[in-house]
Protein backbone atom coordinates (compact mmCIF):
# COMPACT_ATOMS: atom_id res chain seq x y z
CA MET A 1 0.07 -0.03 0.03
CA ARG A 2 2.86 2.49 0.84
CA TRP A 3 4.21 1.91 -2.57
CA ILE A 4 0.96 2.71 -4.03
CA LEU A 5 0.62 5.69 -2.30
CA VAL A 6 4.09 6.92 -3.27
CA LEU A 7 3.30 6.22 -6.82
CA LEU A 8 0.10 8.17 -6.40
CA VAL A 9 1.70 11.03 -4.78
CA LEU A 10 4.60 10.85 -7.76
CA GLY A 11 1.93 10.76 -10.44
CA ALA A 12 0.33 13.59 -8.87
CA LEU A 13 3.36 15.61 -8.56
CA GLY A 14 3.93 14.70 -12.38
CA ALA A 15 0.75 15.67 -13.43
CA ALA A 16 1.01 19.36 -11.09
CA VAL A 17 4.46 19.86 -12.99
CA THR A 18 3.28 18.90 -16.28
CA LEU A 19 0.49 21.36 -15.53
CA ALA A 20 2.31 24.12 -14.14
CA TRP A 21 5.73 23.78 -16.49
CA PRO A 22 4.14 25.80 -19.18
CA ARG A 23 2.94 28.53 -16.81
CA LEU A 24 6.47 29.19 -15.76
CA GLU A 25 7.69 30.36 -18.88
CA GLY A 26 9.55 33.68 -18.96
CA ASP A 27 9.55 34.95 -22.19
CA ALA A 28 7.33 38.00 -22.57
CA PRO A 29 5.16 38.66 -25.86
CA GLN A 30 6.69 40.12 -28.94
CA LEU A 31 5.15 43.29 -30.06
CA LEU A 32 5.73 44.15 -33.88
CA GLY A 33 5.36 47.97 -35.29
CA PRO A 34 7.41 50.58 -37.37
CA ASP A 35 10.23 52.09 -35.85
CA GLN A 36 8.40 55.34 -36.16
CA VAL A 37 5.32 57.07 -37.31
CA VAL A 38 4.89 60.45 -39.08
CA LEU A 39 1.06 61.47 -39.05
CA GLY A 40 0.17 64.11 -41.35
CA GLY A 41 -3.34 65.86 -42.11
CA SER A 42 -4.56 63.34 -44.68
CA GLY A 43 -4.10 60.35 -41.91
CA THR A 44 -2.18 57.02 -42.27
CA THR A 45 -2.47 53.37 -42.12
CA LEU A 46 -0.01 50.95 -40.26
CA GLU A 47 0.19 47.40 -39.40
CA VAL A 48 0.58 46.60 -35.87
CA GLY A 49 0.80 43.05 -34.33
CA TRP A 50 1.14 41.03 -31.02
CA GLN A 51 2.62 37.14 -30.84
CA ASP A 52 3.30 34.81 -27.85
CA ALA A 53 4.54 31.28 -28.78
CA GLY A 54 4.42 30.15 -25.39
CA THR A 55 1.19 30.46 -23.08
CA GLY A 56 -0.65 32.81 -25.73
CA LEU A 57 -1.76 36.27 -25.33
CA ARG A 58 -4.14 37.12 -22.35
CA SER A 59 -4.49 40.72 -23.27
CA ILE A 60 -3.50 43.28 -25.78
CA GLU A 61 -3.73 47.16 -26.27
CA ALA A 62 -2.53 49.97 -28.64
CA VAL A 63 -2.88 53.56 -27.49
CA ILE A 64 -1.63 56.74 -28.25
CA GLU A 65 0.00 58.98 -25.21
CA SER A 66 1.06 62.54 -25.40
CA GLY A 67 1.71 65.09 -22.90
CA PRO A 68 3.54 64.53 -19.50
CA THR A 69 4.88 61.30 -19.06
CA ASP A 70 3.63 61.03 -15.36
CA SER A 71 0.08 61.88 -16.63
CA PRO A 72 -0.07 61.77 -20.42
CA LYS A 73 -3.36 61.98 -22.48
CA ARG A 74 -4.45 58.59 -23.72
CA VAL A 75 -6.26 57.97 -26.85
CA GLU A 76 -7.36 54.16 -26.76
CA LEU A 77 -7.08 52.88 -30.49
CA HIS A 78 -7.55 48.77 -29.84
CA ALA A 79 -7.92 46.41 -27.00
CA ARG A 80 -8.68 42.99 -26.35
CA THR A 81 -8.68 40.23 -23.85
CA TRP A 82 -8.97 36.38 -23.95
CA GLU A 83 -10.97 34.46 -21.61
CA GLY A 84 -9.19 31.43 -19.56
CA SER A 85 -8.12 30.16 -16.13
CA ALA A 86 -5.11 31.24 -14.12
CA LEU A 87 -4.40 27.49 -13.35
CA THR A 88 -4.41 26.26 -17.07
CA GLY A 89 -4.58 29.12 -19.16
CA PRO A 90 -7.29 29.46 -22.39
CA ALA A 91 -8.63 26.18 -23.86
CA ASP A 92 -7.78 27.39 -27.29
CA PRO A 93 -4.17 29.90 -26.96
CA ALA A 94 -4.05 32.99 -29.16
CA ARG A 95 -0.68 33.00 -30.59
CA ASP A 96 -0.94 35.93 -32.84
CA GLU A 97 -3.03 38.90 -33.72
CA SER A 98 -2.62 41.83 -35.74
CA ILE A 99 -4.60 44.85 -37.06
CA GLU A 100 -4.33 47.54 -39.38
CA LEU A 101 -4.78 50.98 -37.45
CA ALA A 102 -6.41 53.78 -39.25
CA LEU A 103 -4.98 57.07 -37.87
CA ASP A 104 -6.58 60.43 -38.31
CA ALA A 105 -5.28 63.22 -36.28
CA LYS A 106 -8.32 65.38 -36.43
CA ALA A 107 -10.87 62.29 -35.79
CA LEU A 108 -8.38 61.51 -32.64
CA ASP A 109 -8.40 64.74 -31.36
CA LEU A 110 -4.24 65.09 -31.45
CA ALA A 111 -2.40 68.13 -31.44
CA ASP A 112 0.65 68.94 -33.42
CA GLY A 113 3.74 67.80 -31.89
CA GLN A 114 5.54 64.59 -30.37
CA ALA A 115 3.69 61.53 -28.94
CA ASN A 116 4.29 57.83 -28.66
CA LEU A 117 2.10 55.14 -30.12
CA VAL A 118 2.25 52.41 -27.28
CA LEU A 119 1.91 48.44 -27.68
CA ARG A 120 1.24 46.39 -24.72
CA ALA A 121 0.47 42.85 -24.06
CA ARG A 122 0.52 40.00 -21.40
CA ASP A 123 0.42 36.24 -21.66
CA TRP A 124 -0.53 33.57 -19.24
CA ALA A 125 2.34 32.76 -17.48
CA TRP A 126 2.28 32.56 -13.72
CA SER A 127 5.15 35.53 -13.49
CA ASP A 128 4.07 38.75 -11.83
CA SER A 129 1.72 37.02 -9.03
CA PHE A 130 0.13 35.31 -11.99
CA ALA A 131 -0.80 38.59 -13.75
CA GLY A 132 1.72 37.07 -16.90
CA ASN A 133 4.84 38.54 -18.78
CA ALA A 134 4.29 41.94 -19.72
CA ALA A 135 5.71 43.52 -22.71
CA GLU A 136 5.60 47.13 -24.17
CA LEU A 137 6.66 48.74 -27.32
CA ARG A 138 7.04 52.75 -27.57
CA ILE A 139 6.85 53.96 -31.19
CA PRO A 140 7.62 57.60 -31.52
CA LEU A 141 4.79 59.55 -33.12
CA LEU A 142 5.29 62.77 -34.84
CA VAL A 143 1.99 64.67 -35.52
CA ASP A 144 2.40 67.03 -38.17
CA THR A 145 -0.69 68.71 -39.91
CA ARG A 146 0.88 71.57 -41.48
CA ALA A 147 1.51 72.04 -44.95
CA PRO A 148 4.86 73.48 -45.94
CA LYS A 149 5.23 77.31 -46.84
CA LEU A 150 5.38 77.51 -50.70
CA SER A 151 5.63 80.80 -52.80
CA VAL A 152 5.94 80.86 -56.80
CA GLU A 153 8.18 83.63 -58.04
CA SER A 154 7.45 83.11 -61.83
CA GLY A 155 5.20 85.39 -63.61
CA LEU A 156 2.91 85.07 -66.61
CA THR A 157 4.15 81.81 -68.66
CA TYR A 158 3.68 80.73 -72.10
CA ILE A 159 3.71 77.42 -73.16
CA ARG A 160 3.04 75.42 -76.02
CA ARG A 161 1.56 72.06 -76.29
CA SER A 162 4.55 69.61 -76.03
CA GLY A 163 6.69 72.58 -75.17
CA SER A 164 8.43 73.40 -72.20
CA ALA A 165 8.83 76.03 -69.76
CA ALA A 166 10.56 76.99 -66.15
CA VAL A 167 8.85 78.08 -63.04
CA ILE A 168 10.76 79.63 -60.20
CA TYR A 169 9.52 78.98 -56.46
CA ARG A 170 10.30 78.62 -52.95
CA THR A 171 9.41 76.34 -50.43
CA GLY A 172 9.71 75.87 -46.29
CA SER A 173 12.55 73.94 -45.21
CA ASP A 174 10.44 71.06 -44.26
CA ALA A 175 9.40 70.28 -47.65
CA VAL A 176 10.88 66.93 -48.78
CA ARG A 177 9.40 66.91 -52.42
CA SER A 178 8.62 69.72 -54.62
CA GLY A 179 7.94 70.54 -58.23
CA ALA A 180 5.50 71.18 -61.28
CA ARG A 181 2.25 69.15 -61.62
CA VAL A 182 0.59 69.57 -64.88
CA GLY A 183 -2.40 66.94 -64.41
CA ASP A 184 -1.04 63.68 -63.99
CA ALA A 185 2.38 64.53 -65.02
CA TRP A 186 4.87 65.16 -62.49
CA PHE A 187 8.21 67.46 -62.65
CA PRO A 188 10.57 67.37 -59.95
CA GLY A 189 12.34 70.82 -58.81
CA VAL A 190 15.85 71.10 -58.29
CA ALA A 191 17.46 73.54 -55.35
CA LEU A 192 19.25 76.63 -56.77
CA PRO A 193 22.06 78.58 -54.83
CA ASP A 194 20.09 81.09 -53.62
CA GLY A 195 17.53 78.90 -52.07
CA SER A 196 14.88 78.72 -54.52
CA HIS A 197 13.75 76.16 -56.84
CA VAL A 198 13.32 75.67 -60.57
CA ALA A 199 11.43 73.06 -62.04
CA VAL A 200 11.20 72.59 -65.88
CA PHE A 201 7.82 71.41 -66.88
CA ALA A 202 5.90 70.46 -70.11
CA ILE A 203 2.31 70.30 -71.42
CA PRO A 204 2.05 66.50 -72.49
CA ILE A 205 0.86 66.02 -75.87
CA ASP A 206 -1.97 63.95 -74.36
CA ALA A 207 -2.65 66.45 -71.63
CA ALA A 208 -6.42 67.35 -71.13
CA LYS A 209 -7.34 70.81 -72.96
CA ASP A 210 -6.22 73.94 -70.47
CA PRO A 211 -4.70 71.40 -67.85
CA GLU A 212 -4.24 72.55 -64.47
CA VAL A 213 -0.80 73.75 -63.78
CA GLU A 214 0.64 74.01 -60.25
CA VAL A 215 3.35 74.06 -58.01
CA VAL A 216 3.47 71.79 -55.25
CA ALA A 217 5.50 70.98 -52.03
CA SER A 218 5.12 68.21 -49.64
CA ASP A 219 6.63 67.37 -46.54
CA ARG A 220 7.59 63.92 -44.70
CA ALA A 221 4.01 63.65 -43.25
CA GLY A 222 2.56 63.99 -46.41
CA ASN A 223 1.26 67.40 -46.06
CA GLU A 224 0.91 68.86 -49.52
CA ALA A 225 0.89 72.79 -50.66
CA THR A 226 -0.01 73.81 -54.09
CA SER A 227 0.00 76.91 -55.83
CA GLY A 228 -1.32 77.64 -59.11
CA PHE A 229 0.23 80.52 -61.72
CA ASP A 230 -0.38 82.25 -64.65
CA VAL A 231 0.28 79.77 -67.26
CA ARG A 232 -1.21 80.20 -70.95
CA VAL A 233 -1.25 77.17 -73.28
CA GLN A 234 -0.84 77.65 -76.75
CA GLU A 235 -2.57 74.57 -78.61
CA ARG A 236 -1.31 73.23 -81.55
CA LYS A 237 -2.00 70.40 -84.28
CA PHE A 238 0.33 67.08 -85.28
CA ALA A 239 0.47 66.06 -88.20
CA GLU A 240 -1.07 62.66 -89.33
CA ILE A 241 0.61 60.62 -91.71
CA THR A 242 0.13 57.38 -93.45
CA ILE A 243 3.12 54.93 -94.03
CA ALA A 244 2.75 51.89 -96.10
CA LEU A 245 4.75 48.81 -94.95
CA PRO A 246 6.85 47.18 -97.62
CA PRO A 247 6.73 43.54 -97.51
CA ARG A 248 10.59 43.30 -97.28
CA PHE A 249 10.65 45.73 -94.02
CA LEU A 250 8.22 43.37 -92.33
CA ASP A 251 10.18 40.20 -93.49
CA ARG A 252 13.47 41.67 -92.52
CA VAL A 253 13.06 44.15 -89.63
CA ALA A 254 9.96 43.41 -87.97
CA ARG A 255 10.60 39.49 -88.07
CA ARG A 256 14.12 40.17 -86.53
CA LEU A 257 13.02 42.16 -83.70
CA GLY A 258 10.42 39.56 -83.06
CA GLU A 259 12.82 36.63 -83.09
CA GLU A 260 15.02 38.83 -80.65
CA ASN A 261 12.40 39.79 -78.34
CA ASP A 262 10.45 36.39 -78.26
CA MET A 263 7.54 38.06 -79.74
CA THR A 264 7.26 36.12 -83.22
CA GLU A 265 3.88 35.48 -84.55
CA SER A 266 2.33 33.48 -87.39
CA THR A 267 2.69 36.24 -89.92
CA PRO A 268 5.37 39.19 -90.52
CA LEU A 269 2.42 41.60 -90.09
CA ALA A 270 1.18 40.14 -86.92
CA THR A 271 4.93 40.10 -85.61
CA PHE A 272 5.12 43.68 -86.69
CA GLN A 273 1.76 44.79 -84.97
CA ARG A 274 2.95 43.24 -81.64
CA VAL A 275 6.57 44.80 -81.97
CA ASN A 276 5.07 48.32 -82.76
CA SER A 277 3.01 48.08 -79.71
CA GLU A 278 3.96 45.68 -76.97
CA LEU A 279 7.98 45.98 -77.66
CA ARG A 280 7.10 49.89 -78.01
CA GLU A 281 5.59 50.02 -74.67
CA LYS A 282 8.78 48.00 -73.18
CA SER A 283 11.48 50.16 -74.76
CA GLU A 284 9.60 53.52 -73.36
CA ALA A 285 9.42 51.71 -69.93
CA VAL A 286 13.43 51.00 -70.36
CA ILE A 287 13.85 54.60 -70.84
CA ALA A 288 11.66 55.81 -68.28
CA ALA A 289 13.45 53.71 -65.69
CA ALA A 290 16.90 55.09 -66.96
CA ILE A 291 15.77 58.80 -66.69
CA PRO A 292 17.48 60.07 -62.85
CA GLU A 293 15.94 62.45 -60.69
CA PRO A 294 16.88 66.02 -61.87
CA THR A 295 20.42 67.45 -60.75
CA ALA A 296 21.79 70.95 -61.42
CA LYS A 297 21.69 72.30 -64.74
CA GLN A 298 24.81 70.55 -66.77
CA TRP A 299 24.49 72.22 -70.22
CA THR A 300 25.03 75.85 -71.59
CA GLY A 301 23.16 77.53 -74.21
CA ALA A 302 21.22 76.00 -76.83
CA PHE A 303 21.05 72.38 -77.92
CA ALA A 304 22.75 71.42 -81.29
CA GLN A 305 20.80 69.66 -84.16
CA MET A 306 22.67 66.71 -85.64
CA GLN A 307 25.34 68.30 -88.12
CA ASN A 308 24.72 68.56 -91.72
CA SER A 309 21.40 66.74 -91.18
CA SER A 310 17.98 66.86 -93.19
CA VAL A 311 14.60 66.39 -91.16
CA THR A 312 12.97 62.96 -92.67
CA SER A 313 10.18 62.99 -89.99
CA ASP A 314 8.63 65.40 -87.71
CA PHE A 315 8.14 65.43 -84.14
CA ALA A 316 4.71 64.18 -82.72
CA GLU A 317 3.42 63.03 -85.78
CA LEU A 318 0.83 60.39 -85.66
CA ARG A 319 1.46 57.45 -88.01
CA TYR A 320 -0.95 55.07 -89.50
CA TYR A 321 0.80 52.17 -90.85
CA THR A 322 -0.90 50.40 -93.54
CA LEU A 323 -0.90 46.97 -95.59
CA SER A 324 -2.26 46.75 -99.13
CA GLY A 325 -4.34 50.03 -98.09
CA GLU A 326 -5.61 48.99 -95.11
CA ARG A 327 -4.60 50.40 -91.74
CA VAL A 328 -2.86 47.59 -89.60
CA SER A 329 -1.41 49.59 -87.01
CA ILE A 330 -0.80 53.02 -84.99
CA ALA A 331 2.17 54.89 -83.30
CA ARG A 332 2.96 58.33 -82.10
CA HIS A 333 6.60 59.71 -83.38
CA TYR A 334 8.17 61.02 -80.31
CA GLY A 335 10.96 62.77 -81.78
CA TYR A 336 12.85 63.66 -85.02
CA ASP A 337 14.46 61.54 -87.89
CA LEU A 338 17.64 63.24 -88.83
CA ALA A 339 19.63 61.67 -91.91
CA SER A 340 22.87 62.47 -93.04
CA THR A 341 25.31 59.98 -94.59
CA ALA A 342 25.65 56.40 -93.70
CA LYS A 343 27.32 55.69 -90.26
CA ALA A 344 27.75 59.41 -89.64
CA PRO A 345 29.05 60.50 -86.60
CA ILE A 346 26.59 61.32 -83.45
CA THR A 347 27.51 63.89 -81.29
CA ALA A 348 26.18 65.14 -77.90
CA SER A 349 23.71 67.74 -78.18
CA ASN A 350 24.80 69.62 -75.24
CA SER A 351 26.89 68.64 -72.25
CA GLY A 352 25.80 66.07 -69.50
CA THR A 353 26.06 62.58 -68.16
CA VAL A 354 25.32 59.46 -70.09
CA VAL A 355 22.40 57.42 -68.11
CA TYR A 356 21.75 54.74 -70.65
CA ALA A 357 24.25 53.23 -73.58
CA ASP A 358 22.73 49.94 -74.75
CA ASP A 359 20.51 48.48 -77.08
CA ASN A 360 16.64 49.02 -76.39
CA GLY A 361 13.77 47.40 -78.54
CA ILE A 362 12.57 49.76 -81.36
CA TYR A 363 14.93 52.37 -80.59
CA GLY A 364 18.05 49.70 -81.38
CA THR A 365 21.29 50.82 -79.96
CA LEU A 366 20.53 53.85 -77.92
CA VAL A 367 22.17 56.68 -75.72
CA LEU A 368 20.43 58.64 -73.04
CA ILE A 369 21.92 62.05 -71.84
CA ASP A 370 20.89 63.49 -68.63
CA HIS A 371 21.42 67.18 -69.00
CA GLY A 372 20.26 68.25 -65.58
CA LEU A 373 17.25 69.88 -64.68
CA GLY A 374 15.15 67.10 -65.57
CA ILE A 375 15.99 67.45 -69.28
CA THR A 376 17.26 64.20 -71.30
CA THR A 377 18.16 63.67 -74.96
CA LEU A 378 17.68 60.52 -76.76
CA TYR A 379 19.92 59.09 -79.68
CA GLY A 380 18.32 55.77 -81.20
CA HIS A 381 18.95 53.76 -84.19
CA LEU A 382 23.02 53.73 -83.62
CA SER A 383 25.07 51.36 -85.24
CA SER A 384 28.03 51.75 -82.92
CA LEU A 385 28.55 52.91 -79.38
CA ALA A 386 31.42 55.32 -78.06
CA VAL A 387 30.40 56.14 -74.37
CA ALA A 388 29.33 54.15 -71.45
CA VAL A 389 27.02 54.77 -68.70
CA GLY A 390 28.52 57.42 -66.17
CA ASP A 391 30.46 58.93 -68.67
CA LYS A 392 30.74 63.04 -68.62
CA VAL A 393 30.26 64.40 -72.38
CA GLU A 394 30.95 67.84 -73.60
CA LYS A 395 28.68 69.51 -76.20
CA GLY A 396 30.10 67.85 -79.84
CA GLN A 397 31.66 64.80 -78.37
CA THR A 398 31.20 61.55 -80.28
CA LEU A 399 28.49 59.02 -78.88
CA GLY A 400 28.30 56.77 -81.55
CA ARG A 401 27.67 56.37 -85.35
CA SER A 402 24.22 56.37 -87.20
CA GLY A 403 22.57 53.35 -88.20
CA ALA A 404 19.25 51.27 -88.56
CA THR A 405 19.20 49.15 -85.91
CA GLY A 406 16.11 48.69 -83.89
CA LEU A 407 12.74 49.31 -86.02
CA ALA A 408 14.40 51.72 -88.54
CA GLY A 409 14.02 51.16 -91.96
CA GLY A 410 17.35 52.88 -93.01
CA ASP A 411 20.18 54.42 -91.78
CA HIS A 412 19.17 57.67 -89.39
CA LEU A 413 19.03 59.13 -85.95
CA HIS A 414 16.18 59.24 -83.69
CA PHE A 415 16.46 62.40 -81.71
CA ALA A 416 14.22 63.38 -78.82
CA VAL A 417 13.97 65.52 -75.93
CA LEU A 418 12.31 64.54 -72.64
CA ALA A 419 11.57 66.88 -69.70
CA GLY A 420 11.07 64.59 -66.76
CA HIS A 421 9.35 61.84 -68.31
CA SER A 422 7.18 63.64 -71.32
CA TYR A 423 8.48 64.15 -74.58
CA VAL A 424 8.83 67.69 -75.85
CA ASP A 425 9.62 69.52 -79.03
CA PRO A 426 13.31 69.66 -79.64
CA VAL A 427 12.77 72.62 -82.07
CA GLU A 428 12.58 74.74 -78.64
CA TRP A 429 15.68 73.33 -77.45
CA TRP A 430 17.45 74.04 -80.91
CA ASP A 431 16.76 77.60 -80.62
CA PRO A 432 19.09 80.01 -78.88
CA LYS A 433 16.73 82.68 -78.54
CA TRP A 434 13.95 80.44 -77.16
CA VAL A 435 16.54 78.84 -74.38
CA ARG A 436 17.69 82.25 -73.53
CA GLU A 437 14.48 83.54 -73.12
CA HIS A 438 12.56 80.95 -71.75
CA ILE A 439 14.94 78.93 -69.43
CA ASP A 440 18.29 80.89 -69.02
CA ALA A 441 16.32 84.42 -68.36
CA ARG A 442 14.67 82.81 -65.22
CA LEU A 443 17.72 81.36 -63.65
CA VAL A 444 19.92 84.49 -64.35
CA ALA A 445 17.20 86.65 -62.51
CA GLN A 446 17.75 84.22 -59.50
CA ALA A 447 21.30 84.65 -59.60
CA ALA A 448 21.26 88.34 -60.00
CA PRO A 449 22.26 90.12 -56.39
């Protein structure tokens, strides 16, 4: 009987230890959230979480605390408790809880200034007099609902559709992003030595009639200040032309591009249609990705047209491609086609930095030069390259030789100018008077004492 009693006692002790052991764990819950939060006037959303791999979550909360540390103002955002026994814990332990918090300073009656987003949790352990292991995470929360200061210094501005212009403005020191916005098109600004900013902007070809043109400045909290200014848009029409597709071009050029880019279809025409739409779109995406954020101005004076060249195709013409008299494809031509002699030297139209020098779909062998202030020039269909990415080039420096690479029917240069990510008419940039009066004059005015 004694041994039976001993065994019963040992069994009871074993069961007690088995039951108690998990409750003796000392690991506090894990709290998940951002390193810091900046809350602007438009509000923000963020994800926070609580985890406990041991006894499970017992209670959690998310609050905002501001003011004195000994008596802070509390704004409760989320709280939850789980039912269970102090002896055995919950029947089904909660290991993980995550929520998305929608924070609105006005709705939560939060004053501008520094506060804390505080996450707390307890588990079902027997520590702290059976209250459980506790965890706290204090996340710095900056409430800033005031937009940056913004003032436009430029006056009346005339600009053509597909043309360019410059706007001078000033922002507060808290602005982290600024520039000109034309409809959905964005043109980042660049700081000038006197503390002002300049943004070279454009009226994109596909912009709405009388588009809204405004200067924008935003801070790190997402507060945005906007200011319109007097902009007069001069409308213009672009040529529409028809291009008959020779069978030889379809078979030789389109088929080659289709094969090189895994776009071969059952017929040369179908291959051309895919190349002219899908490959064209991919080629433009490569160009957009290569254009850097605007830097300080690198060029001087007007840009130069290809030496001894003649224009064989105009800027922004809308091309209807036909086969046997039937329209089969369409594309906008965002540049000038310039022809001289075969394999003519292609030179930089102005000084800048090479940001792309490689093959690119319909453009063939392509060079892009960043000239600063968001201006980029494009040189397509080259047969050879004489520069590489990162090279600093001077106006007139050889970039390569003309050719018929990409979707080209003969040896020529495809030349284009971009302001930001919008193609603009190169004729303006080739014109010394236009550059002097529309760009340089505004920059010189800022440099004057």
